[in-house]
Amino acid sequence: VLLPLLRKLMVQPLAKIARYLEIHGTEGLVVLPLGMGAKAGRGNEIGIVADRIDDLIQNLDLKRVELECLNKELLSLASIDHLTGLSNRRSFDDYAAREIKRLSRNLRGENHKESIAILLADIDHFKFYNDRYGHLAGDECLQAVSGTIRRITRRPTDMACRFGGEEFVILLPETALEGAKIVAENLLSAIAELRILHEDSPVMPFVTLSIGIAASSVMGQFDLPALIEKADAAMYMAKRTGRNRVVASE
């Protein structure tokens, strides 16, 4: 008589608690509490322990959710340039690698070529701007230019990144050279519409950009660094030929 009673009062509740803890440890969040304590009419030691476990597990789950949110926030901060709000170089490299893989997969069984374009833009004579107006104004200028770049690159697959200093890069998946030229010319016009005063610029009395573009199919051994170098060479050609213009790498 005592053994079944002992099993019902002690062994079975303890086994249930043990299973609950094991499941919570392996499967993460548990929506329902144990419910074996005061609410279940159990005021003995096992009920007290069960209530305590429910409290601890609830607090643990809350802390886990907070930690996950903090980790996501930190990951987001690690991928963003804090001044401009654009992606940083590390985020750009990771995203570009994923897009190249995606476009390469799209080529299987298809007759057309998937292209990817790179646009490199540099603010003309930005050192003169900082020397004339100060670094605080220079930061505001970078933010204004970045906001315009973000507005121009509206497609979900496009990515704009601060490449360093006053230089920006835009990744344009599924875009050929002609399409990249349109984006670059739109950006050039949008920056001109800002009419940010730049009185020491030899180009014109407002902030301007020099933009280089390059595009390539992702077929075969696609070389992203080489494509960036081509866009970079085109950008410096834009600088050498007068600035405030777009040059495409052939």
C-alpha atoms as a PDB file:
ATOM      1  CA  VAL A   1       0.000   0.000   0.000  1.00  0.00           C
ATOM      2  CA  LEU A   2       2.782   2.409   0.933  1.00  0.00           C
ATOM      3  CA  LEU A   3       4.862   1.820  -2.174  1.00  0.00           C
ATOM      4  CA  PRO A   4       2.156   2.848  -4.706  1.00  0.00           C
ATOM      5  CA  LEU A   5       1.323   5.830  -2.499  1.00  0.00           C
ATOM      6  CA  LEU A   6       4.972   6.818  -2.259  1.00  0.00           C
ATOM      7  CA  ARG A   7       5.325   6.423  -6.000  1.00  0.00           C
ATOM      8  CA  LYS A   8       2.306   8.665  -6.619  1.00  0.00           C
ATOM      9  CA  LEU A   9       3.264  11.321  -4.112  1.00  0.00           C
ATOM     10  CA  MET A  10       7.025  11.432  -4.587  1.00  0.00           C
ATOM     11  CA  VAL A  11       8.510   9.376  -7.410  1.00  0.00           C
ATOM     12  CA  GLN A  12       6.124  10.348 -10.216  1.00  0.00           C
ATOM     13  CA  PRO A  13       6.216  14.107  -9.470  1.00  0.00           C
ATOM     14  CA  LEU A  14      10.012  14.036  -9.264  1.00  0.00           C
ATOM     15  CA  ALA A  15      10.209  12.122 -12.547  1.00  0.00           C
ATOM     16  CA  LYS A  16       7.940  14.710 -14.177  1.00  0.00           C
ATOM     17  CA  ILE A  17      10.134  17.522 -12.891  1.00  0.00           C
ATOM     18  CA  ALA A  18      13.228  15.738 -14.201  1.00  0.00           C
ATOM     19  CA  ARG A  19      11.670  15.304 -17.691  1.00  0.00           C
ATOM     20  CA  TYR A  20      10.592  18.930 -17.711  1.00  0.00           C
ATOM     21  CA  LEU A  21      14.100  20.155 -16.915  1.00  0.00           C
ATOM     22  CA  GLU A  22      15.622  17.820 -19.503  1.00  0.00           C
ATOM     23  CA  ILE A  23      13.263  19.039 -22.234  1.00  0.00           C
ATOM     24  CA  HIS A  24      13.873  22.678 -21.334  1.00  0.00           C
ATOM     25  CA  GLY A  25      17.618  22.145 -21.457  1.00  0.00           C
ATOM     26  CA  THR A  26      17.556  20.564 -24.918  1.00  0.00           C
ATOM     27  CA  GLU A  27      14.697  22.361 -26.682  1.00  0.00           C
ATOM     28  CA  GLY A  28      15.055  25.911 -25.397  1.00  0.00           C
ATOM     29  CA  LEU A  29      12.020  27.954 -24.437  1.00  0.00           C
ATOM     30  CA  VAL A  30       9.106  26.189 -22.753  1.00  0.00           C
ATOM     31  CA  VAL A  31       5.770  27.922 -23.170  1.00  0.00           C
ATOM     32  CA  LEU A  32       3.883  26.168 -20.357  1.00  0.00           C
ATOM     33  CA  PRO A  33       5.134  26.056 -16.762  1.00  0.00           C
ATOM     34  CA  LEU A  34       5.238  22.916 -14.670  1.00  0.00           C
ATOM     35  CA  GLY A  35       2.064  23.926 -12.831  1.00  0.00           C
ATOM     36  CA  MET A  36       2.670  21.403 -10.073  1.00  0.00           C
ATOM     37  CA  GLY A  37       2.809  23.788  -7.127  1.00  0.00           C
ATOM     38  CA  ALA A  38       0.325  25.960  -5.280  1.00  0.00           C
ATOM     39  CA  LYS A  39      -1.938  26.418  -8.297  1.00  0.00           C
ATOM     40  CA  ALA A  40      -2.297  22.654  -8.529  1.00  0.00           C
ATOM     41  CA  GLY A  41      -3.155  22.430  -4.826  1.00  0.00           C
ATOM     42  CA  ARG A  42       0.197  20.912  -3.893  1.00  0.00           C
ATOM     43  CA  GLY A  43       1.586  22.759  -0.886  1.00  0.00           C
ATOM     44  CA  ASN A  44       4.139  20.194   0.182  1.00  0.00           C
ATOM     45  CA  GLU A  45       7.874  20.309  -0.424  1.00  0.00           C
ATOM     46  CA  ILE A  46       7.516  19.070  -3.995  1.00  0.00           C
ATOM     47  CA  GLY A  47       4.971  21.801  -4.729  1.00  0.00           C
ATOM     48  CA  ILE A  48       7.293  24.440  -3.285  1.00  0.00           C
ATOM     49  CA  VAL A  49      10.195  23.109  -5.377  1.00  0.00           C
ATOM     50  CA  ALA A  50       7.984  23.035  -8.517  1.00  0.00           C
ATOM     51  CA  ASP A  51       6.921  26.656  -8.007  1.00  0.00           C
ATOM     52  CA  ARG A  52      10.524  27.664  -7.497  1.00  0.00           C
ATOM     53  CA  ILE A  53      11.526  25.885 -10.701  1.00  0.00           C
ATOM     54  CA  ASP A  54       8.735  27.670 -12.598  1.00  0.00           C
ATOM     55  CA  ASP A  55      10.012  31.029 -11.341  1.00  0.00           C
ATOM     56  CA  LEU A  56      13.611  30.206 -12.235  1.00  0.00           C
ATOM     57  CA  ILE A  57      12.728  28.895 -15.689  1.00  0.00           C
ATOM     58  CA  GLN A  58      10.591  31.954 -16.425  1.00  0.00           C
ATOM     59  CA  ASN A  59      13.438  34.265 -15.446  1.00  0.00           C
ATOM     60  CA  LEU A  60      15.868  32.172 -17.467  1.00  0.00           C
ATOM     61  CA  ASP A  61      13.652  32.375 -20.544  1.00  0.00           C
ATOM     62  CA  LEU A  62      13.353  36.155 -20.181  1.00  0.00           C
ATOM     63  CA  LYS A  63      17.125  36.483 -19.878  1.00  0.00           C
ATOM     64  CA  ARG A  64      17.590  34.258 -22.924  1.00  0.00           C
ATOM     65  CA  VAL A  65      15.246  36.431 -25.004  1.00  0.00           C
ATOM     66  CA  GLU A  66      17.054  39.584 -23.838  1.00  0.00           C
ATOM     67  CA  LEU A  67      20.410  38.028 -24.704  1.00  0.00           C
ATOM     68  CA  GLU A  68      19.214  37.034 -28.179  1.00  0.00           C
ATOM     69  CA  CYS A  69      17.972  40.583 -28.786  1.00  0.00           C
ATOM     70  CA  LEU A  70      21.281  42.030 -27.623  1.00  0.00           C
ATOM     71  CA  ASN A  71      23.214  39.622 -29.843  1.00  0.00           C
ATOM     72  CA  LYS A  72      21.114  40.632 -32.855  1.00  0.00           C
ATOM     73  CA  GLU A  73      21.669  44.308 -32.040  1.00  0.00           C
ATOM     74  CA  LEU A  74      25.414  43.789 -31.694  1.00  0.00           C
ATOM     75  CA  LEU A  75      25.499  41.885 -34.976  1.00  0.00           C
ATOM     76  CA  SER A  76      23.633  44.714 -36.655  1.00  0.00           C
ATOM     77  CA  LEU A  77      25.992  47.322 -35.188  1.00  0.00           C
ATOM     78  CA  ALA A  78      28.995  45.291 -36.307  1.00  0.00           C
ATOM     79  CA  SER A  79      27.753  45.381 -39.907  1.00  0.00           C
ATOM     80  CA  ILE A  80      26.905  49.104 -40.073  1.00  0.00           C
ATOM     81  CA  ASP A  81      29.140  52.141 -40.440  1.00  0.00           C
ATOM     82  CA  HIS A  82      28.152  54.221 -37.412  1.00  0.00           C
ATOM     83  CA  LEU A  83      28.554  57.628 -39.097  1.00  0.00           C
ATOM     84  CA  THR A  84      26.684  57.080 -42.353  1.00  0.00           C
ATOM     85  CA  GLY A  85      24.312  54.245 -41.472  1.00  0.00           C
ATOM     86  CA  LEU A  86      25.424  52.369 -44.582  1.00  0.00           C
ATOM     87  CA  SER A  87      26.864  48.873 -44.500  1.00  0.00           C
ATOM     88  CA  ASN A  88      30.546  48.585 -43.635  1.00  0.00           C
ATOM     89  CA  ARG A  89      33.254  46.771 -45.606  1.00  0.00           C
ATOM     90  CA  ARG A  90      32.902  43.502 -43.702  1.00  0.00           C
ATOM     91  CA  SER A  91      29.153  43.403 -44.277  1.00  0.00           C
ATOM     92  CA  PHE A  92      29.678  44.246 -47.942  1.00  0.00           C
ATOM     93  CA  ASP A  93      32.123  41.359 -48.428  1.00  0.00           C
ATOM     94  CA  ASP A  94      29.767  38.871 -46.755  1.00  0.00           C
ATOM     95  CA  TYR A  95      26.743  40.030 -48.722  1.00  0.00           C
ATOM     96  CA  ALA A  96      28.609  40.088 -52.024  1.00  0.00           C
ATOM     97  CA  ALA A  97      29.767  36.496 -51.488  1.00  0.00           C
ATOM     98  CA  ARG A  98      26.167  35.385 -50.842  1.00  0.00           C
ATOM     99  CA  GLU A  99      24.836  37.214 -53.900  1.00  0.00           C
ATOM    100  CA  ILE A 100      27.517  35.719 -56.149  1.00  0.00           C
ATOM    101  CA  LYS A 101      26.549  32.241 -54.974  1.00  0.00           C
ATOM    102  CA  ARG A 102      22.873  32.991 -55.538  1.00  0.00           C
ATOM    103  CA  LEU A 103      23.439  34.301 -59.052  1.00  0.00           C
ATOM    104  CA  SER A 104      25.693  31.354 -59.862  1.00  0.00           C
ATOM    105  CA  ARG A 105      22.930  28.945 -58.833  1.00  0.00           C
ATOM    106  CA  ASN A 106      20.475  30.816 -61.052  1.00  0.00           C
ATOM    107  CA  LEU A 107      22.688  30.099 -64.054  1.00  0.00           C
ATOM    108  CA  ARG A 108      22.127  26.359 -63.860  1.00  0.00           C
ATOM    109  CA  GLY A 109      19.899  25.305 -66.679  1.00  0.00           C
ATOM    110  CA  GLU A 110      19.552  28.855 -67.985  1.00  0.00           C
ATOM    111  CA  ASN A 111      20.720  30.288 -71.283  1.00  0.00           C
ATOM    112  CA  HIS A 112      21.164  33.884 -70.139  1.00  0.00           C
ATOM    113  CA  LYS A 113      24.098  35.330 -68.244  1.00  0.00           C
ATOM    114  CA  GLU A 114      23.666  36.746 -64.754  1.00  0.00           C
ATOM    115  CA  SER A 115      25.637  39.977 -64.315  1.00  0.00           C
ATOM    116  CA  ILE A 116      26.745  41.890 -61.281  1.00  0.00           C
ATOM    117  CA  ALA A 117      27.865  45.522 -61.310  1.00  0.00           C
ATOM    118  CA  ILE A 118      30.055  47.569 -58.985  1.00  0.00           C
ATOM    119  CA  LEU A 119      29.801  51.328 -58.613  1.00  0.00           C
ATOM    120  CA  LEU A 120      32.581  53.214 -56.818  1.00  0.00           C
ATOM    121  CA  ALA A 121      32.016  56.862 -55.898  1.00  0.00           C
ATOM    122  CA  ASP A 122      34.312  59.396 -54.270  1.00  0.00           C
ATOM    123  CA  ILE A 123      33.489  62.896 -53.050  1.00  0.00           C
ATOM    124  CA  ASP A 124      35.546  65.334 -55.082  1.00  0.00           C
ATOM    125  CA  HIS A 125      38.216  67.270 -53.145  1.00  0.00           C
ATOM    126  CA  PHE A 126      36.786  66.250 -49.788  1.00  0.00           C
ATOM    127  CA  LYS A 127      39.989  67.272 -47.996  1.00  0.00           C
ATOM    128  CA  PHE A 128      39.427  70.832 -49.207  1.00  0.00           C
ATOM    129  CA  TYR A 129      35.895  70.600 -47.813  1.00  0.00           C
ATOM    130  CA  ASN A 130      37.123  69.544 -44.366  1.00  0.00           C
ATOM    131  CA  ASP A 131      39.834  72.203 -44.377  1.00  0.00           C
ATOM    132  CA  ARG A 132      37.315  74.913 -45.241  1.00  0.00           C
ATOM    133  CA  TYR A 133      34.285  73.929 -43.136  1.00  0.00           C
ATOM    134  CA  GLY A 134      35.695  71.657 -40.416  1.00  0.00           C
ATOM    135  CA  HIS A 135      35.348  67.965 -39.672  1.00  0.00           C
ATOM    136  CA  LEU A 136      31.891  68.280 -38.100  1.00  0.00           C
ATOM    137  CA  ALA A 137      30.565  69.765 -41.324  1.00  0.00           C
ATOM    138  CA  GLY A 138      32.492  67.046 -43.170  1.00  0.00           C
ATOM    139  CA  ASP A 139      30.625  64.385 -41.207  1.00  0.00           C
ATOM    140  CA  GLU A 140      27.313  66.058 -42.046  1.00  0.00           C
ATOM    141  CA  CYS A 141      28.309  66.092 -45.701  1.00  0.00           C
ATOM    142  CA  LEU A 142      29.092  62.363 -45.591  1.00  0.00           C
ATOM    143  CA  GLN A 143      25.729  61.701 -43.988  1.00  0.00           C
ATOM    144  CA  ALA A 144      23.887  63.722 -46.641  1.00  0.00           C
ATOM    145  CA  VAL A 145      25.681  61.923 -49.466  1.00  0.00           C
ATOM    146  CA  SER A 146      25.041  58.551 -47.793  1.00  0.00           C
ATOM    147  CA  GLY A 147      21.346  59.312 -47.444  1.00  0.00           C
ATOM    148  CA  THR A 148      21.172  60.115 -51.144  1.00  0.00           C
ATOM    149  CA  ILE A 149      22.994  56.901 -52.044  1.00  0.00           C
ATOM    150  CA  ARG A 150      20.551  54.938 -49.877  1.00  0.00           C
ATOM    151  CA  ARG A 151      17.618  56.606 -51.638  1.00  0.00           C
ATOM    152  CA  ILE A 152      18.995  55.849 -55.104  1.00  0.00           C
ATOM    153  CA  THR A 153      19.657  52.167 -54.362  1.00  0.00           C
ATOM    154  CA  ARG A 154      16.049  51.152 -53.791  1.00  0.00           C
ATOM    155  CA  ARG A 155      16.059  47.508 -54.916  1.00  0.00           C
ATOM    156  CA  PRO A 156      16.124  44.972 -52.085  1.00  0.00           C
ATOM    157  CA  THR A 157      19.162  43.232 -53.591  1.00  0.00           C
ATOM    158  CA  ASP A 158      21.254  46.403 -53.969  1.00  0.00           C
ATOM    159  CA  MET A 159      23.779  47.191 -51.249  1.00  0.00           C
ATOM    160  CA  ALA A 160      25.471  50.508 -50.527  1.00  0.00           C
ATOM    161  CA  CYS A 161      28.572  50.567 -48.357  1.00  0.00           C
ATOM    162  CA  ARG A 162      31.010  53.102 -47.019  1.00  0.00           C
ATOM    163  CA  PHE A 163      34.262  51.817 -48.447  1.00  0.00           C
ATOM    164  CA  GLY A 164      36.502  54.114 -46.443  1.00  0.00           C
ATOM    165  CA  GLY A 165      36.844  57.841 -45.841  1.00  0.00           C
ATOM    166  CA  GLU A 166      34.788  59.653 -48.462  1.00  0.00           C
ATOM    167  CA  GLU A 167      34.563  56.652 -50.798  1.00  0.00           C
ATOM    168  CA  PHE A 168      31.441  54.552 -51.309  1.00  0.00           C
ATOM    169  CA  VAL A 169      30.716  51.314 -53.138  1.00  0.00           C
ATOM    170  CA  ILE A 170      27.382  50.060 -54.453  1.00  0.00           C
ATOM    171  CA  LEU A 171      26.752  46.434 -55.332  1.00  0.00           C
ATOM    172  CA  LEU A 172      24.148  45.954 -58.065  1.00  0.00           C
ATOM    173  CA  PRO A 173      23.236  42.279 -58.553  1.00  0.00           C
ATOM    174  CA  GLU A 174      21.511  41.257 -61.791  1.00  0.00           C
ATOM    175  CA  THR A 175      22.683  44.488 -63.408  1.00  0.00           C
ATOM    176  CA  ALA A 176      24.638  44.929 -66.624  1.00  0.00           C
ATOM    177  CA  LEU A 177      26.906  47.868 -67.434  1.00  0.00           C
ATOM    178  CA  GLU A 178      24.140  49.926 -69.062  1.00  0.00           C
ATOM    179  CA  GLY A 179      21.928  49.555 -66.006  1.00  0.00           C
ATOM    180  CA  ALA A 180      24.799  50.546 -63.731  1.00  0.00           C
ATOM    181  CA  LYS A 181      25.347  53.683 -65.845  1.00  0.00           C
ATOM    182  CA  ILE A 182      21.745  54.716 -65.245  1.00  0.00           C
ATOM    183  CA  VAL A 183      22.118  54.282 -61.483  1.00  0.00           C
ATOM    184  CA  ALA A 184      25.385  56.248 -61.507  1.00  0.00           C
ATOM    185  CA  GLU A 185      23.944  59.117 -63.552  1.00  0.00           C
ATOM    186  CA  ASN A 186      20.902  59.264 -61.253  1.00  0.00           C
ATOM    187  CA  LEU A 187      23.217  59.443 -58.250  1.00  0.00           C
ATOM    188  CA  LEU A 188      25.265  62.199 -59.845  1.00  0.00           C
ATOM    189  CA  SER A 189      22.096  64.232 -60.498  1.00  0.00           C
ATOM    190  CA  ALA A 190      20.735  63.627 -56.989  1.00  0.00           C
ATOM    191  CA  ILE A 191      23.982  64.840 -55.390  1.00  0.00           C
ATOM    192  CA  ALA A 192      23.887  67.957 -57.578  1.00  0.00           C
ATOM    193  CA  GLU A 193      20.339  68.648 -56.373  1.00  0.00           C
ATOM    194  CA  LEU A 194      21.574  68.705 -52.771  1.00  0.00           C
ATOM    195  CA  ARG A 195      23.623  71.816 -53.583  1.00  0.00           C
ATOM    196  CA  ILE A 196      25.955  71.331 -50.639  1.00  0.00           C
ATOM    197  CA  LEU A 197      28.240  74.361 -50.702  1.00  0.00           C
ATOM    198  CA  HIS A 198      31.890  73.528 -51.508  1.00  0.00           C
ATOM    199  CA  GLU A 199      33.510  76.867 -52.242  1.00  0.00           C
ATOM    200  CA  ASP A 200      37.082  75.533 -52.377  1.00  0.00           C
ATOM    201  CA  SER A 201      36.338  72.873 -54.991  1.00  0.00           C
ATOM    202  CA  PRO A 202      38.019  73.518 -58.357  1.00  0.00           C
ATOM    203  CA  VAL A 203      35.194  71.575 -60.020  1.00  0.00           C
ATOM    204  CA  MET A 204      32.192  73.697 -59.020  1.00  0.00           C
ATOM    205  CA  PRO A 205      31.042  75.478 -55.850  1.00  0.00           C
ATOM    206  CA  PHE A 206      28.986  72.497 -54.700  1.00  0.00           C
ATOM    207  CA  VAL A 207      29.768  68.937 -53.623  1.00  0.00           C
ATOM    208  CA  THR A 208      30.211  66.553 -56.555  1.00  0.00           C
ATOM    209  CA  LEU A 209      31.168  62.925 -57.079  1.00  0.00           C
ATOM    210  CA  SER A 210      33.517  61.031 -59.343  1.00  0.00           C
ATOM    211  CA  ILE A 211      32.030  57.628 -60.158  1.00  0.00           C
ATOM    212  CA  GLY A 212      33.545  54.548 -61.749  1.00  0.00           C
ATOM    213  CA  ILE A 213      31.526  51.486 -62.743  1.00  0.00           C
ATOM    214  CA  ALA A 214      32.307  47.962 -63.885  1.00  0.00           C
ATOM    215  CA  ALA A 215      30.178  44.898 -64.563  1.00  0.00           C
ATOM    216  CA  SER A 216      30.786  41.231 -65.213  1.00  0.00           C
ATOM    217  CA  SER A 217      28.966  37.952 -65.642  1.00  0.00           C
ATOM    218  CA  VAL A 218      29.222  35.600 -62.683  1.00  0.00           C
ATOM    219  CA  MET A 219      29.854  32.685 -65.033  1.00  0.00           C
ATOM    220  CA  GLY A 220      33.090  30.749 -64.566  1.00  0.00           C
ATOM    221  CA  GLN A 221      35.686  31.901 -62.045  1.00  0.00           C
ATOM    222  CA  PHE A 222      34.141  35.188 -60.990  1.00  0.00           C
ATOM    223  CA  ASP A 223      36.682  37.515 -59.350  1.00  0.00           C
ATOM    224  CA  LEU A 224      35.047  40.190 -57.191  1.00  0.00           C
ATOM    225  CA  PRO A 225      38.310  41.932 -56.154  1.00  0.00           C
ATOM    226  CA  ALA A 226      39.258  42.231 -59.826  1.00  0.00           C
ATOM    227  CA  LEU A 227      35.856  43.759 -60.610  1.00  0.00           C
ATOM    228  CA  ILE A 228      36.294  46.267 -57.784  1.00  0.00           C
ATOM    229  CA  GLU A 229      39.733  47.153 -59.132  1.00  0.00           C
ATOM    230  CA  LYS A 230      38.226  47.821 -62.580  1.00  0.00           C
ATOM    231  CA  ALA A 231      35.607  50.107 -61.035  1.00  0.00           C
ATOM    232  CA  ASP A 232      38.349  51.806 -59.017  1.00  0.00           C
ATOM    233  CA  ALA A 233      40.420  52.410 -62.144  1.00  0.00           C
ATOM    234  CA  ALA A 234      37.338  53.856 -63.876  1.00  0.00           C
ATOM    235  CA  MET A 235      36.719  56.153 -60.894  1.00  0.00           C
ATOM    236  CA  TYR A 236      40.274  57.520 -61.067  1.00  0.00           C
ATOM    237  CA  MET A 237      39.830  58.057 -64.777  1.00  0.00           C
ATOM    238  CA  ALA A 238      36.770  60.149 -63.912  1.00  0.00           C
ATOM    239  CA  LYS A 239      38.962  62.180 -61.569  1.00  0.00           C
ATOM    240  CA  ARG A 240      41.717  62.647 -64.154  1.00  0.00           C
ATOM    241  CA  THR A 241      39.270  63.782 -66.825  1.00  0.00           C
ATOM    242  CA  GLY A 242      37.616  66.548 -64.791  1.00  0.00           C
ATOM    243  CA  ARG A 243      35.632  64.902 -61.952  1.00  0.00           C
ATOM    244  CA  ASN A 244      31.871  65.251 -61.442  1.00  0.00           C
ATOM    245  CA  ARG A 245      31.276  62.502 -63.985  1.00  0.00           C
ATOM    246  CA  VAL A 246      30.713  58.793 -64.565  1.00  0.00           C
ATOM    247  CA  VAL A 247      33.288  56.590 -66.294  1.00  0.00           C
ATOM    248  CA  ALA A 248      32.541  52.984 -67.193  1.00  0.00           C
ATOM    249  CA  SER A 249      35.232  50.319 -67.366  1.00  0.00           C
ATOM    250  CA  GLU A 250      35.160  48.549 -70.719  1.00  0.00           C
END
